[in-house]
C-alpha atoms as a PDB file:
ATOM      1  CA  MET A   1      64.003 -14.550  69.835  1.00  0.00           C
ATOM      2  CA  GLY A   2      67.024 -13.074  69.838  1.00  0.00           C
ATOM      3  CA  ALA A   3      68.356 -15.912  67.970  1.00  0.00           C
ATOM      4  CA  CYS A   4      65.470 -15.727  65.092  1.00  0.00           C
ATOM      5  CA  ARG A   5      66.062 -12.232  64.492  1.00  0.00           C
ATOM      6  CA  TYR A   6      69.793 -12.986  64.197  1.00  0.00           C
ATOM      7  CA  ARG A   7      69.186 -15.587  61.550  1.00  0.00           C
ATOM      8  CA  ARG A   8      67.108 -13.620  59.873  1.00  0.00           C
ATOM      9  CA  CYS A   9      69.590 -10.894  59.464  1.00  0.00           C
ATOM     10  CA  GLU A  10      72.011 -13.310  58.305  1.00  0.00           C
ATOM     11  CA  SER A  11      69.515 -14.392  55.401  1.00  0.00           C
ATOM     12  CA  ILE A  12      68.760 -11.014  54.458  1.00  0.00           C
ATOM     13  CA  SER A  13      72.622 -10.256  54.372  1.00  0.00           C
ATOM     14  CA  ALA A  14      73.598 -13.099  52.434  1.00  0.00           C
ATOM     15  CA  ALA A  15      70.825 -12.550  50.019  1.00  0.00           C
ATOM     16  CA  PHE A  16      72.200  -8.832  49.684  1.00  0.00           C
ATOM     17  CA  ARG A  17      75.950  -9.894  48.838  1.00  0.00           C
ATOM     18  CA  GLU A  18      74.489 -12.432  46.337  1.00  0.00           C
ATOM     19  CA  LEU A  19      72.599 -10.018  44.492  1.00  0.00           C
ATOM     20  CA  THR A  20      75.651  -7.431  44.705  1.00  0.00           C
ATOM     21  CA  ILE A  21      77.629 -10.128  43.358  1.00  0.00           C
ATOM     22  CA  MET A  22      75.336 -10.931  40.556  1.00  0.00           C
ATOM     23  CA  LEU A  23      75.093  -7.124  39.767  1.00  0.00           C
ATOM     24  CA  VAL A  24      78.983  -6.715  39.532  1.00  0.00           C
ATOM     25  CA  LEU A  25      79.087  -9.739  37.298  1.00  0.00           C
ATOM     26  CA  ARG A  26      76.066  -8.873  34.954  1.00  0.00           C
ATOM     27  CA  SER A  27      77.832  -5.382  34.828  1.00  0.00           C
ATOM     28  CA  PHE A  28      81.291  -6.638  33.618  1.00  0.00           C
ATOM     29  CA  ALA A  29      79.566  -8.929  31.558  1.00  0.00           C
ATOM     30  CA  PHE A  30      77.658  -6.235  29.646  1.00  0.00           C
ATOM     31  CA  ASN A  31      80.779  -4.025  29.362  1.00  0.00           C
ATOM     32  CA  VAL A  32      83.047  -6.257  28.337  1.00  0.00           C
ATOM     33  CA  PHE A  33      80.321  -6.975  25.227  1.00  0.00           C
ATOM     34  CA  PHE A  34      79.867  -3.247  24.630  1.00  0.00           C
ATOM     35  CA  TYR A  35      83.001  -2.346  23.828  1.00  0.00           C
ATOM     36  CA  ILE A  36      84.093  -5.655  21.494  1.00  0.00           C
ATOM     37  CA  PHE A  37      80.781  -5.581  19.867  1.00  0.00           C
ATOM     38  CA  THR A  38      81.280  -1.687  19.259  1.00  0.00           C
ATOM     39  CA  ALA A  39      84.813  -2.604  18.038  1.00  0.00           C
ATOM     40  CA  ILE A  40      83.966  -5.302  15.899  1.00  0.00           C
ATOM     41  CA  CYS A  41      80.994  -3.178  14.422  1.00  0.00           C
ATOM     42  CA  SER A  42      83.424  -0.213  13.591  1.00  0.00           C
ATOM     43  CA  VAL A  43      85.727  -2.666  11.891  1.00  0.00           C
ATOM     44  CA  VAL A  44      82.623  -3.838   9.520  1.00  0.00           C
ATOM     45  CA  ALA A  45      81.219   0.021   8.948  1.00  0.00           C
ATOM     46  CA  MET A  46      84.699   1.015   8.198  1.00  0.00           C
ATOM     47  CA  LEU A  47      84.647  -1.981   5.328  1.00  0.00           C
ATOM     48  CA  LEU A  48      81.115  -1.168   4.389  1.00  0.00           C
ATOM     49  CA  ALA A  49      81.915   2.813   4.081  1.00  0.00           C
ATOM     50  CA  ILE A  50      84.435   1.923   1.161  1.00  0.00           C
ATOM     51  CA  VAL A  51      82.244  -0.850  -0.632  1.00  0.00           C
ATOM     52  CA  TRP A  52      78.749   0.302   0.176  1.00  0.00           C
ATOM     53  CA  PRO A  53      78.720   3.539   1.765  1.00  0.00           C
ATOM     54  CA  SER A  54      74.798   4.062   1.330  1.00  0.00           C
ATOM     55  CA  ARG A  55      74.571   1.087   4.094  1.00  0.00           C
ATOM     56  CA  LEU A  56      76.361   2.894   6.587  1.00  0.00           C
ATOM     57  CA  MET A  57      72.878   4.158   8.616  1.00  0.00           C
ATOM     58  CA  ASP A  58      71.542   0.758   8.370  1.00  0.00           C
ATOM     59  CA  MET A  59      74.925  -0.573  10.323  1.00  0.00           C
ATOM     60  CA  ALA A  60      74.832   2.106  12.840  1.00  0.00           C
ATOM     61  CA  ARG A  61      70.982   1.269  13.584  1.00  0.00           C
ATOM     62  CA  LEU A  62      72.048  -2.699  13.694  1.00  0.00           C
ATOM     63  CA  TRP A  63      74.706  -1.494  16.072  1.00  0.00           C
ATOM     64  CA  SER A  64      72.280   0.303  18.320  1.00  0.00           C
ATOM     65  CA  LEU A  65      69.726  -2.271  18.139  1.00  0.00           C
ATOM     66  CA  GLY A  66      72.515  -5.135  18.828  1.00  0.00           C
ATOM     67  CA  TRP A  67      73.824  -3.612  22.065  1.00  0.00           C
ATOM     68  CA  LEU A  68      70.474  -2.442  23.032  1.00  0.00           C
ATOM     69  CA  CYS A  69      69.194  -6.071  23.028  1.00  0.00           C
ATOM     70  CA  ALA A  70      72.606  -7.385  24.882  1.00  0.00           C
ATOM     71  CA  TYR A  71      71.694  -4.649  27.534  1.00  0.00           C
ATOM     72  CA  ARG A  72      68.578  -6.182  28.215  1.00  0.00           C
ATOM     73  CA  LEU A  73      69.266  -9.749  28.213  1.00  0.00           C
ATOM     74  CA  ILE A  74      72.014  -9.254  30.571  1.00  0.00           C
ATOM     75  CA  CYS A  75      71.829  -6.367  32.731  1.00  0.00           C
ATOM     76  CA  GLU A  76      67.833  -6.275  32.663  1.00  0.00           C
ATOM     77  CA  VAL A  77      67.463  -2.888  31.314  1.00  0.00           C
ATOM     78  CA  LYS A  78      64.637  -2.110  29.102  1.00  0.00           C
ATOM     79  CA  TYR A  79      63.494   1.019  27.280  1.00  0.00           C
ATOM     80  CA  GLU A  80      60.153   2.865  26.008  1.00  0.00           C
ATOM     81  CA  VAL A  81      60.053   5.885  23.566  1.00  0.00           C
ATOM     82  CA  HIS A  82      56.710   7.918  24.153  1.00  0.00           C
ATOM     83  CA  GLY A  83      55.880  10.635  21.743  1.00  0.00           C
ATOM     84  CA  ALA A  84      57.442   9.181  18.434  1.00  0.00           C
ATOM     85  CA  GLU A  85      54.733  10.708  16.302  1.00  0.00           C
ATOM     86  CA  HIS A  86      56.154  14.015  17.302  1.00  0.00           C
ATOM     87  CA  VAL A  87      58.824  13.670  15.152  1.00  0.00           C
ATOM     88  CA  PRO A  88      58.475  15.243  11.627  1.00  0.00           C
ATOM     89  CA  ASP A  89      58.885  13.037   8.709  1.00  0.00           C
ATOM     90  CA  GLY A  90      61.195  15.230   7.260  1.00  0.00           C
ATOM     91  CA  THR A  91      64.372  16.791   8.439  1.00  0.00           C
ATOM     92  CA  CYS A  92      64.067  18.724  11.852  1.00  0.00           C
ATOM     93  CA  ILE A  93      66.376  19.395  15.102  1.00  0.00           C
ATOM     94  CA  ILE A  94      65.990  16.909  17.986  1.00  0.00           C
ATOM     95  CA  ALA A  95      67.728  18.910  21.252  1.00  0.00           C
ATOM     96  CA  MET A  96      67.879  15.714  23.864  1.00  0.00           C
ATOM     97  CA  LYS A  97      68.682  15.754  27.036  1.00  0.00           C
ATOM     98  CA  HIS A  98      72.404  14.107  28.159  1.00  0.00           C
ATOM     99  CA  GLN A  99      72.557  12.290  31.185  1.00  0.00           C
ATOM    100  CA  SER A 100      74.489   9.330  29.893  1.00  0.00           C
ATOM    101  CA  ILE A 101      76.256   7.569  27.082  1.00  0.00           C
ATOM    102  CA  TRP A 102      73.340   5.646  26.583  1.00  0.00           C
ATOM    103  CA  GLU A 103      71.314   8.102  24.323  1.00  0.00           C
ATOM    104  CA  SER A 104      74.763   8.827  22.346  1.00  0.00           C
ATOM    105  CA  CYS A 105      74.634   5.413  21.213  1.00  0.00           C
ATOM    106  CA  ALA A 106      70.890   4.783  21.525  1.00  0.00           C
ATOM    107  CA  VAL A 107      70.083   7.412  18.921  1.00  0.00           C
ATOM    108  CA  PHE A 108      70.359   5.354  15.765  1.00  0.00           C
ATOM    109  CA  ALA A 109      67.815   2.969  17.162  1.00  0.00           C
ATOM    110  CA  ILE A 110      65.383   5.833  18.346  1.00  0.00           C
ATOM    111  CA  PHE A 111      64.961   7.843  15.058  1.00  0.00           C
ATOM    112  CA  ARG A 112      65.015   7.514  11.136  1.00  0.00           C
ATOM    113  CA  ARG A 113      68.011   9.063   9.907  1.00  0.00           C
ATOM    114  CA  PRO A 114      69.875  10.764  12.621  1.00  0.00           C
ATOM    115  CA  ILE A 115      73.564  12.554  12.852  1.00  0.00           C
ATOM    116  CA  PHE A 116      74.513  14.032  16.093  1.00  0.00           C
ATOM    117  CA  ILE A 117      76.688  17.011  16.849  1.00  0.00           C
ATOM    118  CA  LEU A 118      79.472  15.636  19.010  1.00  0.00           C
ATOM    119  CA  LYS A 119      82.890  17.293  20.358  1.00  0.00           C
ATOM    120  CA  SER A 120      85.958  16.892  18.096  1.00  0.00           C
ATOM    121  CA  GLU A 121      87.877  14.671  20.756  1.00  0.00           C
ATOM    122  CA  LEU A 122      85.473  11.538  19.926  1.00  0.00           C
ATOM    123  CA  MET A 123      86.621  12.023  16.498  1.00  0.00           C
ATOM    124  CA  TRP A 124      90.114  10.541  17.500  1.00  0.00           C
ATOM    125  CA  ILE A 125      88.600   7.356  18.488  1.00  0.00           C
ATOM    126  CA  PRO A 126      90.323   5.022  16.136  1.00  0.00           C
ATOM    127  CA  ILE A 127      87.804   3.532  13.482  1.00  0.00           C
ATOM    128  CA  PHE A 128      85.143   4.491  15.369  1.00  0.00           C
ATOM    129  CA  GLY A 129      85.626   8.203  15.139  1.00  0.00           C
ATOM    130  CA  TRP A 130      86.207   7.798  11.448  1.00  0.00           C
ATOM    131  CA  VAL A 131      82.846   6.062  10.692  1.00  0.00           C
ATOM    132  CA  MET A 132      80.891   8.521  12.686  1.00  0.00           C
ATOM    133  CA  LYS A 133      82.428  11.020  10.191  1.00  0.00           C
ATOM    134  CA  ARG A 134      81.805   9.284   7.088  1.00  0.00           C
ATOM    135  CA  ILE A 135      78.161   8.919   8.737  1.00  0.00           C
ATOM    136  CA  GLY A 136      77.859  12.873   8.780  1.00  0.00           C
ATOM    137  CA  CYS A 137      77.905  13.265  12.443  1.00  0.00           C
ATOM    138  CA  ILE A 138      79.268  16.848  12.900  1.00  0.00           C
ATOM    139  CA  SER A 139      82.468  17.343  15.341  1.00  0.00           C
ATOM    140  CA  ILE A 140      82.865  20.757  17.101  1.00  0.00           C
ATOM    141  CA  THR A 141      85.610  22.290  18.918  1.00  0.00           C
ATOM    142  CA  ARG A 142      84.787  23.574  22.514  1.00  0.00           C
ATOM    143  CA  GLY A 143      85.588  26.734  23.361  1.00  0.00           C
ATOM    144  CA  SER A 144      85.965  28.100  19.894  1.00  0.00           C
ATOM    145  CA  GLY A 145      83.199  30.278  20.021  1.00  0.00           C
ATOM    146  CA  ARG A 146      82.154  31.712  16.593  1.00  0.00           C
ATOM    147  CA  SER A 147      83.888  29.523  14.425  1.00  0.00           C
ATOM    148  CA  ALA A 148      82.598  26.421  16.311  1.00  0.00           C
ATOM    149  CA  LEU A 149      79.150  27.952  15.780  1.00  0.00           C
ATOM    150  CA  ALA A 150      79.910  28.706  11.997  1.00  0.00           C
ATOM    151  CA  SER A 151      81.210  25.153  11.642  1.00  0.00           C
ATOM    152  CA  MET A 152      78.073  23.603  13.398  1.00  0.00           C
ATOM    153  CA  ILE A 153      76.105  25.153  10.795  1.00  0.00           C
ATOM    154  CA  ARG A 154      77.430  24.597   7.777  1.00  0.00           C
ATOM    155  CA  GLY A 155      77.873  20.936   8.945  1.00  0.00           C
ATOM    156  CA  ALA A 156      73.984  20.949  10.019  1.00  0.00           C
ATOM    157  CA  ARG A 157      73.139  22.298   6.333  1.00  0.00           C
ATOM    158  CA  GLU A 158      75.250  19.735   4.560  1.00  0.00           C
ATOM    159  CA  ALA A 159      73.382  16.926   6.839  1.00  0.00           C
ATOM    160  CA  LEU A 160      69.910  18.237   5.751  1.00  0.00           C
ATOM    161  CA  ALA A 161      70.579  18.489   2.178  1.00  0.00           C
ATOM    162  CA  GLN A 162      70.848  14.809   2.576  1.00  0.00           C
ATOM    163  CA  GLY A 163      67.572  14.257   4.675  1.00  0.00           C
ATOM    164  CA  LYS A 164      69.127  13.690   7.978  1.00  0.00           C
ATOM    165  CA  GLN A 165      67.619  14.793  11.148  1.00  0.00           C
ATOM    166  CA  ILE A 166      70.201  16.648  13.531  1.00  0.00           C
ATOM    167  CA  VAL A 167      70.680  15.566  17.079  1.00  0.00           C
ATOM    168  CA  ILE A 168      72.050  17.914  19.262  1.00  0.00           C
ATOM    169  CA  PHE A 169      72.738  17.779  23.320  1.00  0.00           C
ATOM    170  CA  PRO A 170      71.911  21.571  24.179  1.00  0.00           C
ATOM    171  CA  GLU A 171      73.931  20.937  27.522  1.00  0.00           C
ATOM    172  CA  GLY A 172      77.014  20.080  26.000  1.00  0.00           C
ATOM    173  CA  THR A 173      78.072  17.570  28.334  1.00  0.00           C
ATOM    174  CA  ARG A 174      76.222  15.022  30.618  1.00  0.00           C
ATOM    175  CA  SER A 175      74.502  15.713  33.608  1.00  0.00           C
ATOM    176  CA  ALA A 176      73.646  14.206  36.624  1.00  0.00           C
ATOM    177  CA  PRO A 177      69.707  13.409  37.154  1.00  0.00           C
ATOM    178  CA  GLY A 178      68.317  16.122  39.323  1.00  0.00           C
ATOM    179  CA  ALA A 179      71.199  18.606  38.508  1.00  0.00           C
ATOM    180  CA  ARG A 180      70.765  22.042  37.975  1.00  0.00           C
ATOM    181  CA  PRO A 181      70.473  22.403  34.235  1.00  0.00           C
ATOM    182  CA  SER A 182      72.901  24.389  32.232  1.00  0.00           C
ATOM    183  CA  TYR A 183      71.953  24.540  28.566  1.00  0.00           C
ATOM    184  CA  LYS A 184      74.225  26.608  26.007  1.00  0.00           C
ATOM    185  CA  SER A 185      72.935  29.065  23.422  1.00  0.00           C
ATOM    186  CA  GLY A 186      74.296  26.856  20.423  1.00  0.00           C
ATOM    187  CA  VAL A 187      70.833  24.867  19.742  1.00  0.00           C
ATOM    188  CA  SER A 188      69.096  28.365  19.712  1.00  0.00           C
ATOM    189  CA  HIS A 189      71.490  29.743  17.038  1.00  0.00           C
ATOM    190  CA  LEU A 190      70.861  26.489  15.159  1.00  0.00           C
ATOM    191  CA  TYR A 191      67.435  26.769  15.200  1.00  0.00           C
ATOM    192  CA  ALA A 192      67.247  30.577  13.600  1.00  0.00           C
ATOM    193  CA  ALA A 193      70.113  29.852  11.251  1.00  0.00           C
ATOM    194  CA  LEU A 194      68.157  26.544   9.764  1.00  0.00           C
ATOM    195  CA  GLN A 195      64.405  27.840  10.318  1.00  0.00           C
ATOM    196  CA  LEU A 196      63.619  24.104  11.295  1.00  0.00           C
ATOM    197  CA  SER A 197      61.226  22.790  14.036  1.00  0.00           C
ATOM    198  CA  CYS A 198      62.742  21.671  17.184  1.00  0.00           C
ATOM    199  CA  VAL A 199      61.917  18.359  19.041  1.00  0.00           C
ATOM    200  CA  PRO A 200      62.848  18.471  22.873  1.00  0.00           C
ATOM    201  CA  VAL A 201      63.332  15.042  24.170  1.00  0.00           C
ATOM    202  CA  ALA A 202      63.599  14.204  27.904  1.00  0.00           C
ATOM    203  CA  LEU A 203      64.880  11.174  29.552  1.00  0.00           C
ATOM    204  CA  ASN A 204      66.168   9.425  32.819  1.00  0.00           C
ATOM    205  CA  SER A 205      69.228   7.310  31.507  1.00  0.00           C
ATOM    206  CA  GLY A 206      71.449   8.668  34.103  1.00  0.00           C
ATOM    207  CA  VAL A 207      69.535   6.862  36.815  1.00  0.00           C
ATOM    208  CA  LEU A 208      70.524   3.065  35.395  1.00  0.00           C
ATOM    209  CA  TRP A 209      74.090   4.352  33.316  1.00  0.00           C
ATOM    210  CA  PRO A 210      75.262   7.527  35.310  1.00  0.00           C
ATOM    211  CA  ARG A 211      78.603   9.048  34.142  1.00  0.00           C
ATOM    212  CA  ARG A 212      81.625   7.214  35.081  1.00  0.00           C
ATOM    213  CA  ARG A 213      79.992   4.299  37.123  1.00  0.00           C
ATOM    214  CA  PHE A 214      80.723   0.671  36.682  1.00  0.00           C
ATOM    215  CA  LEU A 215      77.669  -0.884  38.040  1.00  0.00           C
ATOM    216  CA  ARG A 216      74.453  -1.296  35.504  1.00  0.00           C
ATOM    217  CA  PRO A 217      71.150  -1.940  37.429  1.00  0.00           C
ATOM    218  CA  PRO A 218      68.257  -3.370  35.948  1.00  0.00           C
ATOM    219  CA  GLY A 219      65.358  -1.014  35.623  1.00  0.00           C
ATOM    220  CA  LEU A 220      63.454   1.162  32.561  1.00  0.00           C
ATOM    221  CA  ILE A 221      65.001   3.777  30.772  1.00  0.00           C
ATOM    222  CA  THR A 222      62.056   6.227  29.607  1.00  0.00           C
ATOM    223  CA  VAL A 223      62.525   8.347  26.387  1.00  0.00           C
ATOM    224  CA  SER A 224      59.718  11.272  25.935  1.00  0.00           C
ATOM    225  CA  ILE A 225      60.239  12.812  22.441  1.00  0.00           C
ATOM    226  CA  LEU A 226      57.923  16.362  23.276  1.00  0.00           C
ATOM    227  CA  ARG A 227      55.766  18.447  20.873  1.00  0.00           C
ATOM    228  CA  ALA A 228      57.981  20.288  18.397  1.00  0.00           C
ATOM    229  CA  ILE A 229      58.821  24.041  18.729  1.00  0.00           C
ATOM    230  CA  PRO A 230      57.779  25.275  15.164  1.00  0.00           C
ATOM    231  CA  PRO A 231      60.211  27.629  13.539  1.00  0.00           C
ATOM    232  CA  GLY A 232      60.328  31.477  13.246  1.00  0.00           C
ATOM    233  CA  LEU A 233      60.229  31.835  17.223  1.00  0.00           C
ATOM    234  CA  PRO A 234      62.864  34.386  18.489  1.00  0.00           C
ATOM    235  CA  ARG A 235      65.894  32.757  19.622  1.00  0.00           C
ATOM    236  CA  GLN A 236      65.804  33.565  23.381  1.00  0.00           C
ATOM    237  CA  ARG A 237      61.759  32.631  23.525  1.00  0.00           C
ATOM    238  CA  MET A 238      62.797  29.551  21.479  1.00  0.00           C
ATOM    239  CA  LEU A 239      65.449  28.129  24.264  1.00  0.00           C
ATOM    240  CA  ASP A 240      63.202  29.054  27.383  1.00  0.00           C
ATOM    241  CA  GLN A 241      60.546  27.003  25.748  1.00  0.00           C
ATOM    242  CA  MET A 242      62.507  24.024  25.407  1.00  0.00           C
ATOM    243  CA  ILE A 243      64.158  24.241  28.829  1.00  0.00           C
ATOM    244  CA  LEU A 244      60.842  24.399  30.310  1.00  0.00           C
ATOM    245  CA  ASP A 245      59.412  21.486  28.046  1.00  0.00           C
ATOM    246  CA  ILE A 246      62.460  19.061  28.841  1.00  0.00           C
ATOM    247  CA  GLU A 247      62.588  19.594  32.407  1.00  0.00           C
ATOM    248  CA  SER A 248      59.389  19.631  33.072  1.00  0.00           C
ATOM    249  CA  ALA A 249      59.115  16.140  31.091  1.00  0.00           C
ATOM    250  CA  CYS A 250      62.050  14.969  33.366  1.00  0.00           C
ATOM    251  CA  GLN A 251      60.479  15.552  36.641  1.00  0.00           C
ATOM    252  CA  GLN A 252      56.976  13.610  35.791  1.00  0.00           C
ATOM    253  CA  PRO A 253      56.164  10.307  34.468  1.00  0.00           C
ATOM    254  CA  ALA A 254      56.037   9.428  30.608  1.00  0.00           C
ATOM    255  CA  PRO A 255      52.534   9.559  29.160  1.00  0.00           C
ATOM    256  CA  SER A 256      50.714   6.293  28.804  1.00  0.00           C
ATOM    257  CA  ARG A 257      50.257   6.566  25.003  1.00  0.00           C
ATOM    258  CA  GLN A 258      51.730   6.036  22.126  1.00  0.00           C
ATOM    259  CA  VAL A 259      54.662   3.721  23.336  1.00  0.00           C
ATOM    260  CA  ARG A 260      57.284   1.872  21.448  1.00  0.00           C
ATOM    261  CA  THR A 261      59.252  -0.283  23.754  1.00  0.00           C
ATOM    262  CA  SER A 262      62.365  -2.233  23.506  1.00  0.00           C
ATOM    263  CA  THR A 263      62.043  -6.128  22.523  1.00  0.00           C
END
């Protein structure tokens, strides 16, 4: 009886080691692919910005779809988008939960013509930062107060004139799943200044692609696009509603209707 139990434990232990090795190898393969593919696409996009700048957004979308496909094939991670019907046909503000680098890079595959607000340090990444600037992404310097806010609103107005959707991560930085939320007021200032609807977005990307972690376990990333908050509300009321909508959606399963799944 004891020998049988010992062999069973050994078998479980061997299977666990094999799964761990496979996870490490898949994670390594994907990480290598992701950064090389991003570097190649950045160079192509830089050349495209010179000869055919109107196709830059298409290139960004191709990049997003390309690495998402590799993520599914190598790491067995799929994604679903729920509530796409809540995104207006025209311009809007998209306030997105921020748990991972995943949504920063997948945004071009999820939305039609997105540009997002990012920290100025990212613009210093060779080639990639220059391409992000040419696409129209808005950089802000953290801690610069009113000047950062004015710069963000000015950049957003320029993007709106080109018919783009403005994606902002209202927490300002990535937060772990289940962590106490810490939303900043910048999104409410943007909402009031631009007089646009705000579309809250909840997700769970941090479960599978956590901050500063190497391993990429298999699973499903769910993006829930929630009902738009109409323009014209008082800033604090809009902010409170947005936080409630996002945090509530992060704590419950996504709805089963209107699903767009990765292929």
